N, C-alpha and C. Protein backbone atom coordinates (compact mmCIF):
# COMPACT_ATOMS: atom_id res chain seq x y z
N UNK A 1 0.85 -1.17 0.00
CA UNK A 1 0.00 0.00 0.00
C UNK A 1 0.89 1.23 0.00
N UNK A 2 0.56 2.17 -0.84
CA UNK A 2 1.28 3.43 -0.91
C UNK A 2 0.70 4.43 0.10
N UNK A 3 1.46 5.45 0.42
CA UNK A 3 1.02 6.45 1.39
C UNK A 3 -0.30 7.08 0.98
N UNK A 4 -0.46 7.40 -0.28
CA UNK A 4 -1.70 8.03 -0.75
C UNK A 4 -2.91 7.13 -0.50
N UNK A 5 -2.75 5.83 -0.74
CA UNK A 5 -3.85 4.88 -0.49
C UNK A 5 -4.16 4.78 1.01
N UNK A 6 -3.12 4.80 1.83
CA UNK A 6 -3.32 4.74 3.28
C UNK A 6 -4.08 5.97 3.76
N UNK A 7 -3.72 7.12 3.24
CA UNK A 7 -4.41 8.36 3.61
C UNK A 7 -5.88 8.28 3.21
N UNK A 8 -6.15 7.77 2.02
CA UNK A 8 -7.53 7.62 1.57
C UNK A 8 -8.31 6.67 2.48
N UNK A 9 -7.70 5.55 2.83
CA UNK A 9 -8.36 4.58 3.71
C UNK A 9 -8.63 5.18 5.08
N UNK A 10 -7.62 5.82 5.65
CA UNK A 10 -7.79 6.42 6.97
C UNK A 10 -8.82 7.55 6.94
N UNK A 11 -8.80 8.35 5.88
CA UNK A 11 -9.78 9.44 5.74
C UNK A 11 -11.19 8.89 5.67
N UNK A 12 -11.36 7.78 4.96
CA UNK A 12 -12.71 7.21 4.83
C UNK A 12 -13.24 6.74 6.17
N UNK A 13 -12.36 6.33 7.06
CA UNK A 13 -12.77 5.85 8.37
C UNK A 13 -12.84 6.96 9.42
N UNK A 14 -12.36 8.14 9.08
CA UNK A 14 -12.29 9.25 10.04
C UNK A 14 -13.61 10.03 10.08
N UNK A 15 -14.70 9.31 10.14
CA UNK A 15 -16.04 9.89 10.19
C UNK A 15 -16.89 8.93 11.01
N UNK A 16 -17.62 9.45 11.97
CA UNK A 16 -18.33 8.59 12.92
C UNK A 16 -19.25 7.57 12.24
N UNK A 17 -20.07 8.02 11.29
CA UNK A 17 -21.00 7.09 10.64
C UNK A 17 -20.27 6.08 9.76
N UNK A 18 -19.27 6.53 9.01
CA UNK A 18 -18.54 5.60 8.15
C UNK A 18 -17.79 4.55 8.97
N UNK A 19 -17.21 4.98 10.07
CA UNK A 19 -16.54 4.02 10.95
C UNK A 19 -17.54 3.01 11.50
N UNK A 20 -18.73 3.48 11.89
CA UNK A 20 -19.77 2.58 12.38
C UNK A 20 -20.19 1.59 11.30
N UNK A 21 -20.35 2.06 10.07
CA UNK A 21 -20.72 1.19 8.96
C UNK A 21 -19.64 0.13 8.76
N UNK A 22 -18.39 0.55 8.74
CA UNK A 22 -17.30 -0.40 8.53
C UNK A 22 -17.27 -1.45 9.64
N UNK A 23 -17.43 -1.02 10.88
CA UNK A 23 -17.40 -1.96 12.00
C UNK A 23 -18.56 -2.95 11.95
N UNK A 24 -19.74 -2.48 11.54
CA UNK A 24 -20.89 -3.38 11.40
C UNK A 24 -20.60 -4.42 10.32
N UNK A 25 -19.97 -3.99 9.23
CA UNK A 25 -19.65 -4.93 8.15
C UNK A 25 -18.56 -5.92 8.57
N UNK A 26 -17.60 -5.47 9.34
CA UNK A 26 -16.57 -6.38 9.85
C UNK A 26 -17.24 -7.43 10.74
N UNK A 27 -18.14 -6.98 11.59
CA UNK A 27 -18.84 -7.90 12.49
C UNK A 27 -19.72 -8.88 11.71
N UNK A 28 -20.30 -8.43 10.60
CA UNK A 28 -21.16 -9.30 9.78
C UNK A 28 -20.38 -10.43 9.14
N UNK A 29 -19.08 -10.24 8.98
CA UNK A 29 -18.25 -11.29 8.41
C UNK A 29 -18.45 -11.47 6.92
N UNK A 30 -18.12 -12.64 6.39
CA UNK A 30 -18.15 -12.87 4.95
C UNK A 30 -19.53 -12.73 4.31
N UNK A 31 -20.59 -12.93 5.08
CA UNK A 31 -21.92 -12.82 4.49
C UNK A 31 -22.30 -11.37 4.19
N UNK A 32 -21.66 -10.40 4.84
CA UNK A 32 -21.95 -9.00 4.59
C UNK A 32 -23.37 -8.64 5.00
N UNK A 33 -23.84 -7.49 4.49
CA UNK A 33 -25.19 -7.01 4.81
C UNK A 33 -25.77 -6.26 3.62
N UNK A 34 -27.08 -6.36 3.48
CA UNK A 34 -27.81 -5.58 2.50
C UNK A 34 -27.84 -4.13 2.98
N UNK A 35 -27.75 -3.18 2.05
CA UNK A 35 -27.68 -1.76 2.41
C UNK A 35 -28.83 -1.34 3.32
N UNK A 36 -30.04 -1.78 3.02
CA UNK A 36 -31.19 -1.41 3.84
C UNK A 36 -31.07 -1.89 5.28
N UNK A 37 -30.47 -3.06 5.46
CA UNK A 37 -30.27 -3.59 6.81
C UNK A 37 -29.23 -2.77 7.58
N UNK A 38 -28.21 -2.31 6.87
CA UNK A 38 -27.20 -1.45 7.50
C UNK A 38 -27.86 -0.16 7.95
N UNK A 39 -28.66 0.44 7.06
CA UNK A 39 -29.34 1.70 7.38
C UNK A 39 -30.23 1.54 8.60
N UNK A 40 -30.99 0.45 8.66
CA UNK A 40 -31.87 0.21 9.80
C UNK A 40 -31.08 0.00 11.08
N UNK A 41 -30.04 -0.81 11.00
CA UNK A 41 -29.24 -1.13 12.19
C UNK A 41 -28.62 0.12 12.79
N UNK A 42 -28.13 1.01 11.92
CA UNK A 42 -27.42 2.20 12.41
C UNK A 42 -28.27 3.46 12.43
N UNK A 43 -29.54 3.33 12.03
CA UNK A 43 -30.45 4.48 11.98
C UNK A 43 -29.86 5.62 11.14
N UNK A 44 -29.46 5.26 9.92
CA UNK A 44 -28.90 6.21 8.97
C UNK A 44 -29.84 6.30 7.78
N UNK A 45 -30.11 7.51 7.30
CA UNK A 45 -30.95 7.68 6.12
C UNK A 45 -30.30 6.98 4.93
N UNK A 46 -31.10 6.34 4.08
CA UNK A 46 -30.54 5.59 2.94
C UNK A 46 -29.63 6.42 2.04
N UNK A 47 -29.99 7.67 1.75
CA UNK A 47 -29.13 8.47 0.87
C UNK A 47 -27.80 8.81 1.54
N UNK A 48 -27.83 9.03 2.85
CA UNK A 48 -26.59 9.28 3.59
C UNK A 48 -25.73 8.02 3.61
N UNK A 49 -26.36 6.88 3.85
CA UNK A 49 -25.63 5.61 3.85
C UNK A 49 -25.00 5.35 2.49
N UNK A 50 -25.75 5.61 1.43
CA UNK A 50 -25.23 5.40 0.07
C UNK A 50 -23.97 6.21 -0.16
N UNK A 51 -23.98 7.46 0.27
CA UNK A 51 -22.81 8.32 0.13
C UNK A 51 -21.64 7.78 0.95
N UNK A 52 -21.91 7.37 2.19
CA UNK A 52 -20.85 6.83 3.05
C UNK A 52 -20.27 5.55 2.48
N UNK A 53 -21.12 4.67 1.95
CA UNK A 53 -20.64 3.43 1.35
C UNK A 53 -19.79 3.70 0.11
N UNK A 54 -20.19 4.70 -0.67
CA UNK A 54 -19.40 5.06 -1.86
C UNK A 54 -18.01 5.54 -1.47
N UNK A 55 -17.91 6.32 -0.41
CA UNK A 55 -16.61 6.81 0.06
C UNK A 55 -15.76 5.64 0.56
N UNK A 56 -16.36 4.75 1.33
CA UNK A 56 -15.63 3.58 1.82
C UNK A 56 -15.19 2.67 0.68
N UNK A 57 -16.05 2.50 -0.32
CA UNK A 57 -15.71 1.66 -1.47
C UNK A 57 -14.58 2.28 -2.28
N UNK A 58 -14.65 3.59 -2.48
CA UNK A 58 -13.61 4.29 -3.23
C UNK A 58 -12.25 4.15 -2.56
N UNK A 59 -12.26 4.08 -1.23
CA UNK A 59 -11.02 3.94 -0.47
C UNK A 59 -10.59 2.48 -0.34
N UNK A 60 -11.38 1.56 -0.89
CA UNK A 60 -11.02 0.15 -0.83
C UNK A 60 -11.33 -0.53 0.49
N UNK A 61 -12.18 0.08 1.30
CA UNK A 61 -12.49 -0.50 2.60
C UNK A 61 -13.73 -1.38 2.58
N UNK A 62 -14.60 -1.22 1.58
CA UNK A 62 -15.75 -2.11 1.42
C UNK A 62 -15.87 -2.51 -0.04
N UNK A 63 -16.55 -3.62 -0.26
CA UNK A 63 -16.85 -4.07 -1.61
C UNK A 63 -18.33 -4.45 -1.64
N UNK A 64 -18.88 -4.55 -2.82
CA UNK A 64 -20.30 -4.84 -2.93
C UNK A 64 -20.57 -5.89 -3.99
N UNK A 65 -21.70 -6.58 -3.83
CA UNK A 65 -22.19 -7.53 -4.81
C UNK A 65 -23.68 -7.28 -4.99
N UNK A 66 -24.14 -7.37 -6.22
CA UNK A 66 -25.55 -7.17 -6.51
C UNK A 66 -26.29 -8.49 -6.31
N UNK A 67 -27.43 -8.40 -5.64
CA UNK A 67 -28.31 -9.55 -5.45
C UNK A 67 -29.70 -9.13 -5.90
N UNK A 68 -29.98 -9.34 -7.17
CA UNK A 68 -31.26 -8.88 -7.71
C UNK A 68 -31.32 -7.37 -7.66
N UNK A 69 -32.30 -6.84 -6.94
CA UNK A 69 -32.43 -5.39 -6.83
C UNK A 69 -31.67 -4.82 -5.65
N UNK A 70 -31.15 -5.68 -4.80
CA UNK A 70 -30.44 -5.23 -3.60
C UNK A 70 -28.93 -5.29 -3.83
N UNK A 71 -28.22 -4.53 -3.01
CA UNK A 71 -26.76 -4.57 -3.03
C UNK A 71 -26.29 -5.01 -1.65
N UNK A 72 -25.45 -6.03 -1.64
CA UNK A 72 -24.88 -6.54 -0.40
C UNK A 72 -23.47 -5.98 -0.27
N UNK A 73 -23.17 -5.43 0.90
CA UNK A 73 -21.86 -4.85 1.16
C UNK A 73 -21.08 -5.73 2.13
N UNK A 74 -19.78 -5.76 1.92
CA UNK A 74 -18.87 -6.55 2.73
C UNK A 74 -17.68 -5.67 3.11
N UNK A 75 -17.15 -5.86 4.31
CA UNK A 75 -15.87 -5.22 4.64
C UNK A 75 -14.82 -5.86 3.75
N UNK A 76 -13.96 -5.04 3.18
CA UNK A 76 -12.87 -5.56 2.35
C UNK A 76 -11.71 -5.90 3.29
N UNK A 77 -11.66 -7.15 3.69
CA UNK A 77 -10.65 -7.57 4.66
C UNK A 77 -9.24 -7.43 4.10
N UNK A 78 -9.09 -7.59 2.80
CA UNK A 78 -7.77 -7.39 2.18
C UNK A 78 -7.35 -5.93 2.32
N UNK A 79 -8.28 -5.01 2.13
CA UNK A 79 -7.98 -3.59 2.30
C UNK A 79 -7.59 -3.28 3.74
N UNK A 80 -8.30 -3.88 4.69
CA UNK A 80 -7.97 -3.67 6.09
C UNK A 80 -6.60 -4.26 6.40
N UNK A 81 -6.32 -5.45 5.87
CA UNK A 81 -5.02 -6.08 6.09
C UNK A 81 -3.89 -5.21 5.54
N UNK A 82 -4.09 -4.68 4.33
CA UNK A 82 -3.07 -3.83 3.72
C UNK A 82 -2.85 -2.57 4.53
N UNK A 83 -3.92 -1.97 5.05
CA UNK A 83 -3.79 -0.77 5.86
C UNK A 83 -3.02 -1.07 7.15
N UNK A 84 -3.39 -2.14 7.82
CA UNK A 84 -2.67 -2.50 9.06
C UNK A 84 -1.21 -2.83 8.78
N UNK A 85 -0.95 -3.52 7.68
CA UNK A 85 0.44 -3.84 7.32
C UNK A 85 1.22 -2.56 7.04
N UNK A 86 0.60 -1.61 6.35
CA UNK A 86 1.25 -0.33 6.07
C UNK A 86 1.59 0.38 7.37
N UNK A 87 0.65 0.43 8.30
CA UNK A 87 0.86 1.14 9.56
C UNK A 87 1.95 0.49 10.41
N UNK A 88 2.11 -0.82 10.28
CA UNK A 88 3.07 -1.53 11.13
C UNK A 88 4.33 -1.94 10.39
N UNK A 89 4.47 -1.50 9.15
CA UNK A 89 5.58 -1.94 8.30
C UNK A 89 6.95 -1.76 8.94
N UNK A 90 7.20 -0.64 9.53
CA UNK A 90 8.51 -0.36 10.11
C UNK A 90 8.46 -0.36 11.64
N UNK A 91 7.53 -1.11 12.17
CA UNK A 91 7.28 -1.13 13.61
C UNK A 91 8.46 -1.74 14.37
N UNK A 92 8.71 -1.19 15.50
CA UNK A 92 9.53 -1.82 16.54
C UNK A 92 11.03 -1.79 16.30
N UNK A 93 11.50 -1.06 15.33
CA UNK A 93 12.94 -0.88 15.15
C UNK A 93 13.73 -2.17 15.13
N UNK A 94 13.24 -3.18 14.43
CA UNK A 94 13.96 -4.44 14.33
C UNK A 94 13.78 -5.37 15.52
N UNK A 95 12.86 -5.04 16.40
CA UNK A 95 12.58 -5.89 17.56
C UNK A 95 11.12 -6.35 17.48
N UNK A 96 10.86 -7.39 16.68
CA UNK A 96 9.48 -7.82 16.44
C UNK A 96 8.71 -8.19 17.71
N UNK A 97 9.40 -8.60 18.74
CA UNK A 97 8.71 -8.94 19.99
C UNK A 97 7.98 -7.73 20.58
N UNK A 98 8.45 -6.52 20.24
CA UNK A 98 7.79 -5.31 20.72
C UNK A 98 6.40 -5.14 20.09
N UNK A 99 6.20 -5.72 18.92
CA UNK A 99 4.92 -5.61 18.21
C UNK A 99 3.90 -6.63 18.70
N UNK A 100 4.33 -7.65 19.40
CA UNK A 100 3.43 -8.74 19.77
C UNK A 100 2.19 -8.28 20.53
N UNK A 101 2.29 -7.35 21.49
CA UNK A 101 1.06 -6.91 22.17
C UNK A 101 0.03 -6.31 21.21
N UNK A 102 0.50 -5.60 20.20
CA UNK A 102 -0.42 -5.04 19.21
C UNK A 102 -1.07 -6.16 18.41
N UNK A 103 -0.27 -7.11 17.97
CA UNK A 103 -0.80 -8.23 17.20
C UNK A 103 -1.78 -9.06 18.03
N UNK A 104 -1.48 -9.25 19.30
CA UNK A 104 -2.40 -9.99 20.18
C UNK A 104 -3.73 -9.26 20.30
N UNK A 105 -3.68 -7.94 20.38
CA UNK A 105 -4.90 -7.14 20.54
C UNK A 105 -5.78 -7.19 19.31
N UNK A 106 -5.18 -7.25 18.12
CA UNK A 106 -5.99 -7.23 16.90
C UNK A 106 -6.35 -8.62 16.41
N UNK A 107 -5.92 -9.64 17.10
CA UNK A 107 -6.29 -11.01 16.71
C UNK A 107 -7.80 -11.17 16.80
N UNK A 108 -8.35 -11.88 15.84
CA UNK A 108 -9.79 -12.12 15.80
C UNK A 108 -10.22 -12.90 17.04
N UNK A 109 -11.25 -12.43 17.68
CA UNK A 109 -11.76 -13.10 18.88
C UNK A 109 -13.12 -13.72 18.58
N UNK A 110 -13.21 -14.39 17.45
CA UNK A 110 -14.48 -14.98 17.01
C UNK A 110 -14.86 -16.17 17.87
């Protein structure tokens, strides 16, 4: 991931509603969620949600699939992995054991 892409990803998440949308999609896992269900869950107007999803998609943080007339959104786990890898790329000054507490904290607790 290049710096410009990281800035775009971080900017897309630097908004309360977009961060909430992303977290709901991460929690939904591989099955994702239909846009209307996201709007209902987070009490966001559909047009506002559509704009937020477009920003997240443009930054590579979410992806979508069409299901008939509905659109299902998924957290782009590859995008999240790339962002985390970018942020930790030069971590710990050659002492990887220093990074372990961070890695333990972000481990999936499914």
